[in-house]
Protein backbone atom coordinates (compact mmCIF):
# COMPACT_ATOMS: atom_id res chain seq x y z
CA MET A 1 15.74 10.04 -0.93
CA GLY A 2 18.54 7.34 0.34
CA LYS A 3 21.06 5.81 -1.89
CA ASN A 4 19.27 2.61 -2.35
CA GLU A 5 16.31 4.05 -4.06
CA LEU A 6 15.49 4.53 -7.45
CA THR A 7 13.89 7.87 -9.77
CA LEU A 8 11.34 5.87 -12.03
CA ASN A 9 14.24 7.00 -14.64
CA GLN A 10 16.43 5.36 -13.27
CA MET A 11 14.69 2.34 -12.35
CA GLN A 12 14.42 2.22 -16.00
CA LYS A 13 17.98 2.45 -16.92
CA THR A 14 19.00 -0.25 -14.43
CA VAL A 15 15.95 -2.27 -15.97
CA ASP A 16 17.53 -1.57 -20.03
CA ASP A 17 21.08 -1.97 -17.99
CA TRP A 18 20.30 -5.33 -16.97
CA ILE A 19 18.62 -6.52 -20.30
CA GLN A 20 21.59 -5.62 -22.14
CA SER A 21 24.26 -7.26 -20.19
CA ILE A 22 22.60 -10.44 -18.52
CA GLY A 23 19.03 -10.38 -20.19
CA VAL A 24 20.89 -10.66 -23.67
CA ARG A 25 17.14 -8.85 -25.41
CA TYR A 26 13.91 -7.66 -24.70
CA PHE A 27 10.88 -10.18 -24.97
CA SER A 28 8.81 -9.18 -27.52
CA GLU A 29 6.23 -6.34 -26.93
CA LEU A 30 3.42 -9.16 -27.17
CA THR A 31 5.20 -11.96 -24.63
CA ASN A 32 6.34 -9.12 -22.03
CA LEU A 33 2.23 -8.36 -22.00
CA ALA A 34 2.04 -12.00 -21.39
CA VAL A 35 4.64 -12.26 -18.65
CA LEU A 36 2.76 -8.90 -17.04
CA VAL A 37 -0.79 -10.54 -17.02
CA GLU A 38 1.01 -14.12 -15.52
CA GLU A 39 2.99 -11.29 -12.43
CA VAL A 40 -0.15 -9.64 -11.77
CA GLY A 41 -2.12 -13.69 -11.54
CA GLU A 42 0.64 -14.53 -9.24
CA PHE A 43 -0.09 -11.29 -6.85
CA SER A 44 -3.52 -11.34 -7.19
CA ARG A 45 -3.42 -15.09 -5.87
CA LEU A 46 -1.66 -13.76 -2.77
CA MET A 47 -3.29 -11.20 -2.24
CA ALA A 48 -6.29 -13.38 -2.35
CA ARG A 49 -5.13 -15.64 0.13
CA THR A 50 -3.94 -12.74 2.73
CA TYR A 51 -6.65 -10.50 2.73
CA GLY A 52 -9.39 -12.71 1.40
CA ASP A 53 -10.74 -16.33 1.76
CA GLN A 54 -8.29 -18.46 0.48
CA SER A 55 -5.81 -20.63 2.59
CA PHE A 56 -2.16 -20.75 1.13
CA LYS A 57 -1.01 -23.50 -0.17
CA LYS A 58 2.25 -25.46 0.20
CA GLY A 59 5.12 -22.64 -0.26
CA GLU A 60 3.10 -19.78 -0.85
CA SER A 61 3.31 -17.05 1.90
CA LYS A 62 2.44 -13.52 2.30
CA GLU A 63 5.90 -12.48 2.25
CA HIS A 64 6.23 -13.03 -1.40
CA ILE A 65 3.77 -10.52 -2.26
CA PRO A 66 7.11 -8.07 -2.51
CA SER A 67 8.42 -9.89 -5.01
CA GLU A 68 5.48 -10.20 -7.10
CA ILE A 69 5.30 -6.48 -7.06
CA GLY A 70 8.74 -6.23 -7.40
CA ASP A 71 8.34 -8.71 -10.72
CA ILE A 72 5.09 -6.88 -12.14
CA LEU A 73 7.50 -3.27 -12.31
CA PHE A 74 10.36 -4.92 -13.45
CA VAL A 75 7.99 -5.96 -16.72
CA LEU A 76 6.61 -2.74 -16.71
CA THR A 77 9.09 -1.21 -17.02
CA CYS A 78 10.44 -3.48 -19.46
CA LEU A 79 7.18 -2.60 -21.96
CA ALA A 80 7.77 1.19 -21.11
CA ASN A 81 11.54 0.89 -22.49
CA GLN A 82 10.47 -0.47 -25.47
CA MET A 83 7.88 1.55 -26.48
CA GLY A 84 9.90 4.52 -25.40
CA LEU A 85 7.81 5.68 -22.92
CA SER A 86 8.81 7.53 -19.51
CA LEU A 87 6.93 6.21 -16.64
CA GLN A 88 7.81 9.62 -15.13
CA ASP A 89 5.52 11.11 -17.92
CA CYS A 90 2.78 8.10 -17.51
CA ILE A 91 2.53 8.78 -13.70
CA GLU A 92 2.01 12.25 -13.90
CA LYS A 93 -0.03 12.44 -16.57
CA THR A 94 -2.58 9.85 -14.62
CA LEU A 95 -2.25 11.82 -11.93
CA GLU A 96 -3.35 14.92 -13.66
CA LYS A 97 -6.06 12.95 -15.56
CA ASN A 98 -7.46 11.36 -11.97
CA THR A 99 -7.13 14.97 -10.35
CA LEU A 100 -9.45 16.75 -12.96
CA ARG A 101 -12.04 14.58 -13.24
CA ASP A 102 -11.76 13.23 -9.24
CA GLY A 103 -11.53 16.23 -7.65
CA ASN A 104 -14.15 16.27 -5.87
CA ARG A 105 -15.50 13.15 -6.27
CA HIS A 106 -14.25 10.66 -3.89
CA LYS A 107 -14.69 13.36 -0.98
CA GLU A 108 -18.54 13.60 -1.80
CA ASN A 109 -18.07 9.53 -1.44
CA GLU A 110 -20.63 8.44 1.00
CA LYS A 111 -19.03 5.45 0.91
CA LEU A 112 -16.05 6.21 1.72
CA GLN A 113 -16.90 8.40 4.84
CA SER A 114 -17.63 5.65 6.65
CA LYS A 115 -15.64 3.56 8.88
CA ASP A 116 -17.62 0.83 8.67
CA LYS A 117 -16.26 -1.92 5.80
CA THR A 118 -19.93 -3.47 4.92
């Protein structure tokens, strides 16, 4: 891991430190949920314009996608911090769940075996 890379636990601490020193306090969980949905919408809009059929509006470009992903991670981290959840534990449990449920499912899916996108 490079010197600028963060573990999930470090990311949670870094966001918490930022909130405490610059952000004053966390928004309520419900407000942060609304902000998360808004940020996902902004990301979706850029994805639709980059990979879908829509054209970019003035001032938009695919170069904004990393910023939108960062915004999503930031708000999701705020929510995890507020609820006392470890993002590391969350992703580990999800990977375990998905492995148990989907261990062979995707390998056996003919749609995923095809090279053609139909």
